[in-house]
């Protein structure tokens, strides 16, 4: 394996929240929505930002909101997420209450707000509170039928009931209120994640918009996946065979201007991956913004290669490998992840997490090789399982070599046709046929709760390795005696397998350490091999049992093993208890010094 540390350079995980910076040129998608919102003749207008899960709808909403929120302006922006509402209360009333609260807060900034306006706010707010109270009681165990006003008053301890406690007539009164607020030019309600709501909340939200809030000066921007929202609305029309058709027609009556969110093309996929990774290398916001601006310029010119023609020196040397990584990953991730920004970001997060775990387990792997393996694991899970089978059967190097060399595989290898997906994956750079992938693949398999099989051992050695790993002292010591009598090559293979198991189960350092120590003392060659393999073990995971079993419990430990412990000793990542155990094992008075 490469001596380069596994994974990308140290980096934080990327948030799943809407992007704070537009890396995808979505300002061009937000622009027509902003233009429509600025046209008074369209009032009241409802705009739908329509796209699949993770396509960037929320990012576009944030761009729209940022453009609308001008200090001291006459626009009131109400940001809401109905899926967070308490389902026990009336979603319609909750949305209306949010609008009234935001509107009242802005109106209250005026020192000339009339008493009649204040009273009208109070009247409308009272209607909303009572509507929510009625729904709450009707949905609770306090009542099995719609409660009376007196009943609710008794429960909530208030005698301040309105003449009409329903929302009937609310729309007309709300329109009158807005007319009395000339300083308010427009109220824009931004509704995110509508597709996350339960069907009842989806319908309630749309009804609030259409039946109660759609008056002059009002505008709405909804973000949703039209497939999910249509199916939610269709629940109302069941069991009609035209339920979906009627639901689609219903949604069309609510949303006058749909704005589709585009999926990313190949060039945008590569640019998004590269720009996301680049954030970890560029501290200068202006330098980063200039690269993002260049990508926008390329889009406006109709260029398919978004990252081409970057000025010399724009990309730091430290980021060049990440740009190459993005170019390698883009074709497959573009096709298999559907150009979905959230799924791309999640892939990068999974890549970083895996690199961190592998590094702590002492597995060294070139970053590009790790990314290639992550593609296999996450994008082609069935093929990943097949590769694990090759590992168990000891056929992995030859199989990968054949695929990467584009050779015609033997009959039955990798499926009847050699697996088109595996062949395509294998052609990605770098080639892995000559790399020892066993430690990483077994780690990956364990994280997926899949059995990856043992190192490519003969059947008899595999059985002996299992006995050397036994939790029972008697069985383990019997196996150690048998293993010590094996040939040099067999003992080296067994040590390699035991170190591999130690990495995968670091909590069993005592058992594995004992067997490794016993085999290591059988010859200098075996002891040196064991020490070299253990050098890749993350020293922060070392527990007292490991050095004690490797050296103290072995009467004649090899010099290589004692030297290994002395190399571990200065590390500031070593746990105090482990440090004391190593000092005992490798010190002048310890068993290892004898």
Protein backbone atom coordinates (compact mmCIF):
# COMPACT_ATOMS: atom_id res chain seq x y z
CA UNK A 1 0.00 0.00 0.00
CA UNK A 2 1.04 3.57 -0.48
CA UNK A 3 2.80 5.30 2.38
CA UNK A 4 0.54 8.31 1.86
CA UNK A 5 -2.00 8.77 4.62
CA UNK A 6 -5.44 7.54 3.71
CA UNK A 7 -8.17 9.99 2.70
CA UNK A 8 -8.41 13.64 1.78
CA UNK A 9 -6.65 16.37 3.69
CA UNK A 10 -8.11 17.10 7.16
CA UNK A 11 -11.52 18.60 6.60
CA UNK A 12 -14.81 19.14 8.41
CA UNK A 13 -17.86 17.21 7.35
CA UNK A 14 -20.09 19.04 4.94
CA UNK A 15 -23.42 20.15 6.34
CA UNK A 16 -26.66 18.79 4.94
CA UNK A 17 -28.25 22.23 5.37
CA UNK A 18 -28.96 24.54 2.42
CA UNK A 19 -25.71 25.84 0.94
CA UNK A 20 -24.59 29.25 2.14
CA UNK A 21 -22.83 29.84 -1.19
CA UNK A 22 -24.21 29.21 -4.66
CA UNK A 23 -21.86 26.66 -6.25
CA UNK A 24 -24.30 25.53 -8.94
CA UNK A 25 -25.38 28.70 -10.70
CA UNK A 26 -28.80 28.47 -9.06
CA UNK A 27 -29.03 32.28 -9.02
CA UNK A 28 -30.13 31.90 -12.64
CA UNK A 29 -33.00 29.66 -11.47
CA UNK A 30 -34.00 32.03 -8.68
CA UNK A 31 -34.03 35.06 -11.00
CA UNK A 32 -37.36 34.38 -12.80
CA UNK A 33 -39.05 33.67 -9.47
CA UNK A 34 -37.83 37.01 -8.14
CA UNK A 35 -39.06 38.73 -11.28
CA UNK A 36 -42.51 37.20 -10.88
CA UNK A 37 -42.65 38.24 -7.22
CA UNK A 38 -41.90 41.82 -8.22
CA UNK A 39 -44.94 42.08 -10.52
CA UNK A 40 -47.86 43.51 -8.60
CA UNK A 41 -50.30 42.54 -11.34
CA UNK A 42 -49.72 38.89 -10.49
CA UNK A 43 -50.84 39.30 -6.86
CA UNK A 44 -51.66 37.02 -5.19
CA UNK A 45 -49.20 34.65 -6.85
CA UNK A 46 -47.90 31.23 -5.83
CA UNK A 47 -44.59 30.02 -7.23
CA UNK A 48 -43.46 26.42 -6.92
CA UNK A 49 -39.76 25.54 -6.77
CA UNK A 50 -40.08 21.96 -7.91
CA UNK A 51 -37.40 19.29 -7.68
CA UNK A 52 -36.55 15.91 -6.27
CA UNK A 53 -35.13 15.27 -2.82
CA UNK A 54 -31.67 16.82 -2.48
CA UNK A 55 -31.81 18.68 -5.79
CA UNK A 56 -31.17 22.10 -4.24
CA UNK A 57 -34.68 23.49 -3.69
CA UNK A 58 -33.82 24.91 -0.26
CA UNK A 59 -30.69 26.54 -1.63
CA UNK A 60 -32.78 28.33 -4.24
CA UNK A 61 -35.24 29.45 -1.55
CA UNK A 62 -32.34 30.91 0.45
CA UNK A 63 -31.16 32.81 -2.64
CA UNK A 64 -34.67 34.21 -3.11
CA UNK A 65 -34.97 35.18 0.55
CA UNK A 66 -31.57 36.86 0.59
CA UNK A 67 -32.54 38.99 -2.39
CA UNK A 68 -35.85 39.96 -0.80
CA UNK A 69 -34.61 40.82 2.69
CA UNK A 70 -33.54 44.42 2.23
CA UNK A 71 -33.18 46.45 5.45
CA UNK A 72 -35.91 49.04 5.73
CA UNK A 73 -37.72 47.74 2.67
CA UNK A 74 -41.44 47.28 2.33
CA UNK A 75 -41.28 43.51 1.86
CA UNK A 76 -42.07 41.16 4.73
CA UNK A 77 -40.61 37.67 4.29
CA UNK A 78 -42.14 34.83 6.30
CA UNK A 79 -40.00 31.68 6.35
CA UNK A 80 -41.91 28.58 7.45
CA UNK A 81 -41.69 24.78 7.43
CA UNK A 82 -45.11 23.16 7.95
CA UNK A 83 -43.59 19.72 8.59
CA UNK A 84 -42.33 21.10 11.93
CA UNK A 85 -45.83 22.10 13.07
CA UNK A 86 -47.46 20.30 15.97
CA UNK A 87 -49.79 17.80 14.27
CA UNK A 88 -52.26 18.07 17.17
CA UNK A 89 -53.12 21.65 16.23
CA UNK A 90 -54.60 23.06 13.06
CA UNK A 91 -51.80 23.44 10.43
CA UNK A 92 -53.86 26.07 8.60
CA UNK A 93 -54.14 28.20 11.72
CA UNK A 94 -50.45 27.71 12.54
CA UNK A 95 -49.37 29.00 9.13
CA UNK A 96 -51.77 31.93 9.33
CA UNK A 97 -50.50 32.74 12.83
CA UNK A 98 -46.90 32.86 11.55
CA UNK A 99 -47.92 35.29 8.83
CA UNK A 100 -49.83 37.50 11.27
CA UNK A 101 -46.95 37.50 13.78
CA UNK A 102 -44.39 38.56 11.17
CA UNK A 103 -46.74 41.17 9.73
CA UNK A 104 -47.57 42.62 13.15
CA UNK A 105 -43.87 42.79 14.08
CA UNK A 106 -43.12 44.85 10.96
CA UNK A 107 -46.22 47.05 11.33
CA UNK A 108 -45.35 47.76 14.97
CA UNK A 109 -42.16 49.47 13.82
CA UNK A 110 -44.36 52.35 12.67
CA UNK A 111 -44.96 55.00 15.34
CA UNK A 112 -48.21 55.99 13.66
CA UNK A 113 -49.93 52.62 13.83
CA UNK A 114 -53.61 53.37 14.44
CA UNK A 115 -55.74 51.88 17.20
CA UNK A 116 -58.14 50.40 14.65
CA UNK A 117 -55.27 48.48 13.04
CA UNK A 118 -54.14 47.16 16.41
CA UNK A 119 -57.65 46.01 17.16
CA UNK A 120 -57.92 44.29 13.79
CA UNK A 121 -54.67 42.44 14.43
CA UNK A 122 -56.06 41.33 17.80
CA UNK A 123 -59.33 40.21 16.25
CA UNK A 124 -57.63 38.12 13.55
CA UNK A 125 -55.19 36.66 16.07
CA UNK A 126 -58.13 35.70 18.27
CA UNK A 127 -59.78 33.82 15.41
CA UNK A 128 -56.54 31.89 14.83
CA UNK A 129 -56.08 30.99 18.50
CA UNK A 130 -59.61 29.69 18.76
CA UNK A 131 -59.31 27.68 15.57
CA UNK A 132 -56.16 26.02 16.94
CA UNK A 133 -57.86 25.39 20.29
CA UNK A 134 -60.86 23.75 18.66
CA UNK A 135 -58.60 21.45 16.64
CA UNK A 136 -56.47 20.60 19.66
CA UNK A 137 -59.44 19.60 21.80
CA UNK A 138 -61.17 17.74 18.97
CA UNK A 139 -58.00 15.72 18.39
CA UNK A 140 -57.44 14.94 22.05
CA UNK A 141 -58.95 12.40 24.41
CA UNK A 142 -60.92 15.19 26.08
CA UNK A 143 -63.69 14.92 23.53
CA UNK A 144 -65.15 12.41 21.15
CA UNK A 145 -67.10 15.06 19.24
CA UNK A 146 -66.58 18.65 18.20
CA UNK A 147 -66.52 20.66 21.45
CA UNK A 148 -68.61 23.71 22.16
CA UNK A 149 -67.14 27.16 22.81
CA UNK A 150 -68.16 26.88 26.47
CA UNK A 151 -66.34 23.55 26.68
CA UNK A 152 -63.11 25.05 25.28
CA UNK A 153 -63.41 28.11 27.50
CA UNK A 154 -63.63 25.87 30.53
CA UNK A 155 -60.58 23.88 29.48
CA UNK A 156 -58.37 26.85 28.64
CA UNK A 157 -59.64 29.13 31.37
CA UNK A 158 -60.56 32.05 29.15
CA UNK A 159 -63.86 33.82 28.77
CA UNK A 160 -62.57 35.99 25.93
CA UNK A 161 -64.32 34.12 23.14
CA UNK A 162 -64.92 35.84 19.78
CA UNK A 163 -68.33 36.30 18.27
CA UNK A 164 -67.31 33.96 15.46
CA UNK A 165 -64.49 31.64 16.64
CA UNK A 166 -64.02 30.07 13.19
CA UNK A 167 -61.89 31.22 10.28
CA UNK A 168 -64.96 32.05 8.17
CA UNK A 169 -64.63 35.61 6.89
CA UNK A 170 -60.92 35.73 7.77
CA UNK A 171 -59.82 36.34 4.19
CA UNK A 172 -61.89 39.53 3.78
CA UNK A 173 -60.76 40.92 7.11
CA UNK A 174 -57.13 40.08 6.33
CA UNK A 175 -57.35 41.89 2.99
CA UNK A 176 -58.77 44.95 4.79
CA UNK A 177 -55.89 44.87 7.26
CA UNK A 178 -53.27 44.86 4.50
CA UNK A 179 -54.96 47.85 2.84
CA UNK A 180 -54.50 49.79 6.09
CA UNK A 181 -50.74 49.14 6.04
CA UNK A 182 -49.38 51.23 3.15
CA UNK A 183 -45.81 50.80 4.41
CA UNK A 184 -46.09 47.08 3.64
CA UNK A 185 -45.61 46.61 -0.09
CA UNK A 186 -45.65 42.83 -0.16
CA UNK A 187 -45.80 39.84 2.18
CA UNK A 188 -43.95 36.85 0.75
CA UNK A 189 -44.43 33.50 2.47
CA UNK A 190 -41.62 31.04 1.78
CA UNK A 191 -42.70 27.44 2.49
CA UNK A 192 -39.90 24.87 2.54
CA UNK A 193 -40.06 21.06 2.77
CA UNK A 194 -43.76 20.81 1.95
CA UNK A 195 -43.08 17.29 0.65
CA UNK A 196 -41.99 16.17 4.14
CA UNK A 197 -45.44 16.80 5.59
CA UNK A 198 -48.09 14.22 6.31
CA UNK A 199 -50.88 14.25 3.71
CA UNK A 200 -53.24 16.12 6.05
CA UNK A 201 -50.68 18.85 6.64
CA UNK A 202 -49.93 19.19 2.92
CA UNK A 203 -53.60 19.81 2.19
CA UNK A 204 -54.05 22.09 5.20
CA UNK A 205 -51.09 24.24 4.11
CA UNK A 206 -52.37 24.57 0.56
CA UNK A 207 -55.87 25.37 1.85
CA UNK A 208 -54.48 28.09 4.12
CA UNK A 209 -52.80 29.67 1.11
CA UNK A 210 -55.76 29.41 -1.26
CA UNK A 211 -58.71 29.98 1.06
CA UNK A 212 -57.44 32.42 3.67
CA UNK A 213 -54.25 34.19 2.61
CA UNK A 214 -54.55 34.71 -1.14
CA UNK A 215 -55.30 38.42 -1.19
CA UNK A 216 -53.59 41.43 -2.80
CA UNK A 217 -50.04 42.11 -1.53
CA UNK A 218 -49.56 38.41 -0.77
CA UNK A 219 -47.21 36.03 -2.60
CA UNK A 220 -46.05 32.50 -1.85
CA UNK A 221 -43.01 30.46 -2.79
CA UNK A 222 -43.31 26.71 -2.14
CA UNK A 223 -40.48 24.18 -2.40
CA UNK A 224 -41.56 20.60 -2.93
CA UNK A 225 -41.15 17.34 -4.80
CA UNK A 226 -44.25 17.28 -6.99
CA UNK A 227 -44.39 13.46 -6.96
CA UNK A 228 -44.66 13.31 -3.17
CA UNK A 229 -47.04 16.24 -2.85
CA UNK A 230 -49.31 14.89 -5.58
CA UNK A 231 -49.51 11.53 -3.82
CA UNK A 232 -50.25 13.27 -0.53
CA UNK A 233 -53.13 15.23 -2.08
CA UNK A 234 -54.39 12.06 -3.77
CA UNK A 235 -55.14 10.61 -0.32
CA UNK A 236 -58.13 12.96 -0.18
CA UNK A 237 -59.59 11.51 -3.38
CA UNK A 238 -59.21 7.84 -2.56
CA UNK A 239 -60.54 5.35 -3.56
CA UNK A 240 -61.25 7.06 -6.90
CA UNK A 241 -59.31 5.63 -9.83
CA UNK A 242 -58.64 9.25 -10.86
CA UNK A 243 -57.14 10.21 -7.48
CA UNK A 244 -53.69 11.07 -8.86
CA UNK A 245 -55.12 12.94 -11.82
CA UNK A 246 -57.39 15.02 -9.59
CA UNK A 247 -54.53 15.67 -7.18
CA UNK A 248 -52.37 16.96 -10.01
CA UNK A 249 -55.17 19.28 -11.14
CA UNK A 250 -55.63 20.51 -7.57
CA UNK A 251 -51.92 21.37 -7.29
CA UNK A 252 -51.98 23.18 -10.63
CA UNK A 253 -54.78 25.43 -9.37
CA UNK A 254 -52.69 26.40 -6.34
CA UNK A 255 -49.30 26.90 -8.05
CA UNK A 256 -49.48 29.28 -10.98
CA UNK A 257 -45.75 29.43 -11.79
CA UNK A 258 -43.71 26.23 -11.38
CA UNK A 259 -39.92 26.73 -11.47
CA UNK A 260 -38.19 23.37 -12.04
CA UNK A 261 -34.81 22.73 -10.40
CA UNK A 262 -32.42 21.26 -12.98
CA UNK A 263 -30.40 18.12 -12.33
CA UNK A 264 -26.67 18.58 -12.62
CA UNK A 265 -24.93 17.75 -15.87
CA UNK A 266 -21.57 16.01 -15.99
CA UNK A 267 -19.65 19.29 -15.99
CA UNK A 268 -21.62 20.68 -13.05
CA UNK A 269 -21.19 17.41 -11.14
CA UNK A 270 -17.43 17.61 -11.50
CA UNK A 271 -17.43 21.32 -10.61
CA UNK A 272 -19.60 20.77 -7.54
CA UNK A 273 -17.34 17.98 -6.24
CA UNK A 274 -14.21 20.05 -6.89
CA UNK A 275 -15.58 23.26 -5.37
CA UNK A 276 -16.84 21.42 -2.30
CA UNK A 277 -13.43 19.85 -1.73
CA UNK A 278 -11.70 23.15 -2.52
CA UNK A 279 -13.32 24.80 0.51
CA UNK A 280 -10.81 22.98 2.72
CA UNK A 281 -7.82 24.50 0.91
CA UNK A 282 -8.80 28.14 0.36
CA UNK A 283 -9.04 30.43 3.38
CA UNK A 284 -9.37 33.55 1.25
CA UNK A 285 -13.07 34.13 0.55
CA UNK A 286 -12.29 36.40 -2.37
CA UNK A 287 -10.04 33.80 -4.01
CA UNK A 288 -12.72 31.14 -3.58
CA UNK A 289 -15.45 33.48 -4.85
CA UNK A 290 -13.41 34.23 -7.96
CA UNK A 291 -13.26 30.51 -8.82
CA UNK A 292 -17.02 30.18 -8.26
CA UNK A 293 -17.53 33.26 -10.46
CA UNK A 294 -15.39 31.68 -13.19
CA UNK A 295 -17.65 28.62 -13.13
CA UNK A 296 -20.71 30.85 -13.50
CA UNK A 297 -19.04 32.58 -16.45
CA UNK A 298 -18.41 29.20 -18.09
CA UNK A 299 -22.09 28.28 -17.68
CA UNK A 300 -23.22 31.57 -19.20
CA UNK A 301 -20.98 30.90 -22.18
CA UNK A 302 -22.59 27.49 -22.63
CA UNK A 303 -19.37 25.61 -21.86
CA UNK A 304 -19.80 22.00 -20.81
CA UNK A 305 -16.42 21.91 -19.05
CA UNK A 306 -17.14 24.23 -16.15
CA UNK A 307 -13.66 24.03 -14.63
CA UNK A 308 -11.73 24.64 -17.83
CA UNK A 309 -9.70 27.82 -18.42
CA UNK A 310 -9.18 28.62 -14.75
CA UNK A 311 -6.49 31.30 -14.34
CA UNK A 312 -3.02 30.00 -13.55
CA UNK A 313 -2.50 29.68 -9.81
CA UNK A 314 -6.23 29.94 -9.00
CA UNK A 315 -6.24 26.42 -7.58
CA UNK A 316 -3.69 25.88 -4.78
CA UNK A 317 -1.19 23.07 -5.24
CA UNK A 318 -2.66 21.40 -2.17
CA UNK A 319 -6.01 21.11 -3.97
CA UNK A 320 -4.75 19.74 -7.29
CA UNK A 321 -5.21 16.13 -6.18
CA UNK A 322 -8.78 16.88 -5.08
CA UNK A 323 -9.56 18.35 -8.51
CA UNK A 324 -8.17 15.19 -10.11
CA UNK A 325 -10.29 13.14 -7.71
CA UNK A 326 -13.41 15.10 -8.74
CA UNK A 327 -12.64 14.46 -12.41
CA UNK A 328 -12.27 10.73 -11.71
CA UNK A 329 -15.47 10.44 -9.68
CA UNK A 330 -17.74 12.69 -11.73
CA UNK A 331 -18.70 10.35 -14.64
CA UNK A 332 -19.96 7.51 -12.44
CA UNK A 333 -21.48 9.69 -9.71
CA UNK A 334 -23.19 11.84 -12.34
CA UNK A 335 -24.87 8.80 -13.84
CA UNK A 336 -25.54 6.74 -10.72
CA UNK A 337 -26.52 9.54 -8.30
CA UNK A 338 -28.63 11.42 -10.82
CA UNK A 339 -26.75 14.71 -10.59
CA UNK A 340 -28.14 15.20 -7.08
CA UNK A 341 -26.14 17.68 -4.95
CA UNK A 342 -27.19 16.23 -1.61
CA UNK A 343 -26.26 12.70 -2.62
CA UNK A 344 -22.91 13.97 -3.92
CA UNK A 345 -22.27 15.72 -0.61
CA UNK A 346 -23.23 12.59 1.31
CA UNK A 347 -20.83 10.56 -0.78
CA UNK A 348 -18.02 12.97 0.14
CA UNK A 349 -19.00 12.77 3.81
CA UNK A 350 -18.98 8.97 3.69
CA UNK A 351 -15.59 9.13 1.97
CA UNK A 352 -14.15 11.35 4.71
CA UNK A 353 -15.63 9.23 7.53
CA UNK A 354 -14.23 6.07 5.97
CA UNK A 355 -10.79 7.63 5.51
CA UNK A 356 -10.78 8.61 9.19
CA UNK A 357 -11.77 5.14 10.41
CA UNK A 358 -9.32 3.40 8.09
CA UNK A 359 -6.49 5.69 9.13
CA UNK A 360 -7.15 5.02 12.81
CA UNK A 361 -7.09 1.30 12.09
CA UNK A 362 -3.63 1.69 10.55
CA UNK A 363 -4.81 1.07 6.99
CA UNK A 364 -2.79 3.13 4.53
CA UNK A 365 -4.35 3.71 1.15
CA UNK A 366 -3.96 6.29 -1.58
CA UNK A 367 -6.87 8.79 -1.50
CA UNK A 368 -7.82 8.07 -5.11
CA UNK A 369 -7.79 4.33 -4.39
CA UNK A 370 -10.06 4.88 -1.40
CA UNK A 371 -12.47 6.92 -3.52
CA UNK A 372 -12.52 4.19 -6.15
CA UNK A 373 -13.37 1.58 -3.51
CA UNK A 374 -16.07 3.83 -2.05
CA UNK A 375 -17.71 4.04 -5.48
CA UNK A 376 -17.80 0.24 -5.64
CA UNK A 377 -19.19 -0.02 -2.12
CA UNK A 378 -21.85 2.70 -2.30
CA UNK A 379 -22.83 2.78 -5.95
CA UNK A 380 -22.45 -0.89 -6.91
CA UNK A 381 -23.29 -2.85 -3.72
CA UNK A 382 -23.87 -6.15 -5.51
CA UNK A 383 -20.52 -5.93 -7.25
CA UNK A 384 -18.94 -4.97 -3.92
CA UNK A 385 -20.26 -8.25 -2.49
CA UNK A 386 -18.76 -10.13 -5.41
CA UNK A 387 -15.35 -8.55 -4.79
CA UNK A 388 -15.58 -9.59 -1.13
CA UNK A 389 -16.20 -13.13 -2.34
CA UNK A 390 -13.03 -12.98 -4.44
CA UNK A 391 -11.14 -11.84 -1.35
CA UNK A 392 -12.40 -14.83 0.65
CA UNK A 393 -11.48 -17.21 -2.16
CA UNK A 394 -7.98 -15.75 -2.56
CA UNK A 395 -8.74 -14.69 -6.14
CA UNK A 396 -8.91 -10.91 -5.71
CA UNK A 397 -5.54 -9.83 -7.23
CA UNK A 398 -5.97 -11.98 -10.33
CA UNK A 399 -9.61 -11.01 -10.86
CA UNK A 400 -8.89 -7.31 -10.52
CA UNK A 401 -5.84 -7.61 -12.73
CA UNK A 402 -7.94 -9.19 -15.46
CA UNK A 403 -10.65 -6.54 -15.21
CA UNK A 404 -8.25 -3.61 -15.08
CA UNK A 405 -6.27 -5.01 -17.98
CA UNK A 406 -9.48 -5.39 -19.98
CA UNK A 407 -8.69 -9.06 -20.48
CA UNK A 408 -11.41 -11.52 -21.31
CA UNK A 409 -12.12 -13.26 -18.00
CA UNK A 410 -12.29 -16.98 -17.62
CA UNK A 411 -15.70 -18.54 -17.99
CA UNK A 412 -17.82 -17.78 -14.96
CA UNK A 413 -15.52 -15.04 -13.70
CA UNK A 414 -17.38 -11.90 -12.59
CA UNK A 415 -20.58 -13.22 -14.10
CA UNK A 416 -21.29 -14.53 -17.58
CA UNK A 417 -20.36 -11.22 -19.22
CA UNK A 418 -17.66 -10.24 -16.74
CA UNK A 419 -20.09 -7.72 -15.19
CA UNK A 420 -20.25 -4.54 -17.22
CA UNK A 421 -20.45 -2.45 -14.05
CA UNK A 422 -17.40 -4.12 -12.54
CA UNK A 423 -15.47 -3.70 -15.77
CA UNK A 424 -16.32 -0.01 -15.93
CA UNK A 425 -15.45 0.47 -12.28
CA UNK A 426 -12.16 -1.38 -12.68
CA UNK A 427 -11.09 0.99 -15.47
CA UNK A 428 -11.17 3.94 -13.07
CA UNK A 429 -7.77 5.18 -11.97
CA UNK A 430 -5.76 4.08 -10.08
CA UNK A 431 -5.32 0.39 -10.81
CA UNK A 432 -5.76 -1.77 -7.71
CA UNK A 433 -4.73 -5.21 -8.95
CA UNK A 434 -1.33 -4.96 -7.31
CA UNK A 435 -2.52 -3.37 -4.05
CA UNK A 436 -3.18 -5.35 -0.86
CA UNK A 437 -6.85 -4.43 -0.39
CA UNK A 438 -7.60 -7.10 2.22
CA UNK A 439 -7.42 -4.94 5.36
CA UNK A 440 -9.56 -2.18 3.89
CA UNK A 441 -12.16 -4.49 2.34
CA UNK A 442 -12.60 -6.40 5.57
CA UNK A 443 -13.08 -3.11 7.42
CA UNK A 444 -15.64 -1.96 4.84
CA UNK A 445 -17.46 -5.29 5.05
CA UNK A 446 -17.62 -5.11 8.84
CA UNK A 447 -19.12 -1.61 8.66
CA UNK A 448 -21.80 -3.01 6.37
CA UNK A 449 -22.28 -6.03 8.65
CA UNK A 450 -21.19 -8.30 5.81
CA UNK A 451 -18.81 -11.21 6.22
CA UNK A 452 -15.70 -10.59 4.13
CA UNK A 453 -14.02 -13.87 4.86
CA UNK A 454 -10.51 -14.39 6.14
CA UNK A 455 -7.20 -13.57 4.54
CA UNK A 456 -6.54 -15.84 1.56
CA UNK A 457 -5.38 -18.72 3.76
CA UNK A 458 -5.51 -22.40 3.01
CA UNK A 459 -8.44 -24.11 4.65
CA UNK A 460 -6.23 -25.73 7.33
CA UNK A 461 -4.58 -22.39 8.19
CA UNK A 462 -7.92 -20.63 8.29
CA UNK A 463 -9.16 -23.16 10.84
CA UNK A 464 -5.96 -22.78 12.87
CA UNK A 465 -6.29 -18.96 12.77
CA UNK A 466 -9.78 -19.31 14.20
CA UNK A 467 -8.41 -21.40 17.08
CA UNK A 468 -5.59 -18.91 17.68
CA UNK A 469 -8.32 -16.27 18.01
CA UNK A 470 -10.39 -18.29 20.47
CA UNK A 471 -11.71 -16.59 23.59
CA UNK A 472 -10.97 -19.78 25.53
CA UNK A 473 -7.48 -19.88 27.04
CA UNK A 474 -7.07 -23.64 26.70
CA UNK A 475 -8.10 -23.78 23.04
CA UNK A 476 -5.96 -20.75 22.19
CA UNK A 477 -2.82 -22.15 23.89
CA UNK A 478 -3.28 -25.52 22.18
CA UNK A 479 -3.50 -23.74 18.83
CA UNK A 480 -0.38 -21.68 19.64
CA UNK A 481 1.58 -24.85 20.23
CA UNK A 482 0.39 -26.33 16.93
CA UNK A 483 1.04 -23.10 15.01
CA UNK A 484 4.58 -22.79 16.38
CA UNK A 485 5.43 -26.11 14.70
CA UNK A 486 4.33 -24.94 11.26
CA UNK A 487 6.63 -23.85 8.44
CA UNK A 488 8.01 -20.31 8.34
CA UNK A 489 5.65 -19.29 5.50
CA UNK A 490 2.64 -20.66 7.37
CA UNK A 491 3.58 -18.81 10.55
CA UNK A 492 4.00 -15.54 8.65
CA UNK A 493 0.58 -16.01 7.01
CA UNK A 494 -0.97 -16.71 10.40
CA UNK A 495 0.59 -13.60 11.94
CA UNK A 496 -0.73 -11.48 9.08
CA UNK A 497 -4.21 -12.85 9.65
CA UNK A 498 -4.05 -12.28 13.41
CA UNK A 499 -2.95 -8.65 12.98
CA UNK A 500 -5.79 -8.18 10.53
CA UNK A 501 -8.24 -9.53 13.11
CA UNK A 502 -6.71 -7.30 15.78
CA UNK A 503 -7.44 -4.24 13.63
CA UNK A 504 -11.03 -5.31 13.17
CA UNK A 505 -11.55 -6.18 16.86
CA UNK A 506 -9.24 -3.89 18.85
CA UNK A 507 -11.23 -4.64 22.01
CA UNK A 508 -9.69 -8.16 22.01
CA UNK A 509 -6.06 -7.03 22.14
CA UNK A 510 -5.21 -9.48 24.89
CA UNK A 511 -6.24 -12.61 22.99
CA UNK A 512 -4.73 -11.58 19.66
CA UNK A 513 -1.64 -10.08 21.27
CA UNK A 514 -0.88 -13.34 23.07
CA UNK A 515 -1.00 -15.43 19.88
CA UNK A 516 0.97 -12.85 17.89
CA UNK A 517 3.60 -12.71 20.63
CA UNK A 518 3.93 -16.51 20.77
CA UNK A 519 4.34 -16.81 17.00
CA UNK A 520 6.67 -13.81 16.90
CA UNK A 521 9.16 -15.48 19.24
CA UNK A 522 9.43 -18.57 16.98
CA UNK A 523 11.83 -16.79 14.63
CA UNK A 524 13.29 -13.37 13.90
CA UNK A 525 11.52 -13.34 10.53
CA UNK A 526 8.06 -13.88 12.03
CA UNK A 527 8.73 -11.40 14.84
CA UNK A 528 9.90 -8.73 12.38
CA UNK A 529 6.85 -9.27 10.16
CA UNK A 530 4.53 -8.97 13.15
CA UNK A 531 6.26 -5.80 14.36
CA UNK A 532 6.11 -4.21 10.91
CA UNK A 533 2.40 -4.93 10.62
CA UNK A 534 1.71 -3.60 14.11
CA UNK A 535 3.50 -0.34 13.29
CA UNK A 536 0.41 0.55 11.22
CA UNK A 537 -1.85 0.09 14.26
CA UNK A 538 -3.15 3.40 15.62
CA UNK A 539 -1.24 3.89 18.87
CA UNK A 540 -4.21 5.68 20.46
CA UNK A 541 -6.04 2.33 20.40
CA UNK A 542 -3.30 0.47 22.28
CA UNK A 543 -4.48 -0.86 25.62
CA UNK A 544 -2.31 -2.31 28.44
CA UNK A 545 -3.16 -5.90 27.49
CA UNK A 546 -1.42 -5.66 24.10
CA UNK A 547 2.18 -4.83 25.16
CA UNK A 548 1.91 -7.17 28.15
CA UNK A 549 0.79 -10.10 25.98
CA UNK A 550 3.27 -9.29 23.19
CA UNK A 551 6.32 -9.12 25.42
CA UNK A 552 5.88 -9.65 29.16
CA UNK A 553 4.00 -12.96 28.82
CA UNK A 554 6.56 -14.21 26.29
CA UNK A 555 9.72 -15.53 27.89
CA UNK A 556 12.00 -14.74 24.96
CA UNK A 557 10.44 -11.95 22.84
CA UNK A 558 12.14 -10.96 19.60
CA UNK A 559 14.14 -7.72 19.57
CA UNK A 560 11.84 -6.40 16.84
CA UNK A 561 8.83 -6.60 19.14
CA UNK A 562 10.62 -4.83 21.99
CA UNK A 563 11.81 -2.15 19.59
CA UNK A 564 8.22 -1.66 18.40
CA UNK A 565 7.06 -0.92 21.94
CA UNK A 566 9.88 1.57 22.42
CA UNK A 567 8.79 3.34 19.21
CA UNK A 568 5.26 3.63 20.59
CA UNK A 569 6.40 5.01 23.94
CA UNK A 570 7.13 8.67 22.97
CA UNK A 571 3.76 9.14 21.22
CA UNK A 572 1.54 11.77 22.85
CA UNK A 573 -1.48 9.77 21.61
CA UNK A 574 -0.68 6.86 23.90
CA UNK A 575 -3.11 6.31 26.78
CA UNK A 576 -1.52 6.66 30.27
CA UNK A 577 -2.33 3.08 31.30
CA UNK A 578 -0.88 1.75 28.04
CA UNK A 579 2.25 3.88 28.56
CA UNK A 580 2.83 2.33 31.97
CA UNK A 581 2.38 -1.16 30.53
CA UNK A 582 4.90 -0.46 27.76
CA UNK A 583 7.39 0.98 30.25
CA UNK A 584 7.09 -2.27 32.18
CA UNK A 585 7.33 -4.42 29.07
CA UNK A 586 10.18 -2.62 27.31
CA UNK A 587 11.99 -1.03 30.26
CA UNK A 588 15.15 -2.21 31.97
CA UNK A 589 13.21 -4.03 34.64
CA UNK A 590 10.47 -5.44 32.39
CA UNK A 591 10.10 -8.84 30.86
CA UNK A 592 10.94 -7.47 27.45
CA UNK A 593 14.41 -6.40 28.48
CA UNK A 594 15.49 -9.77 29.71
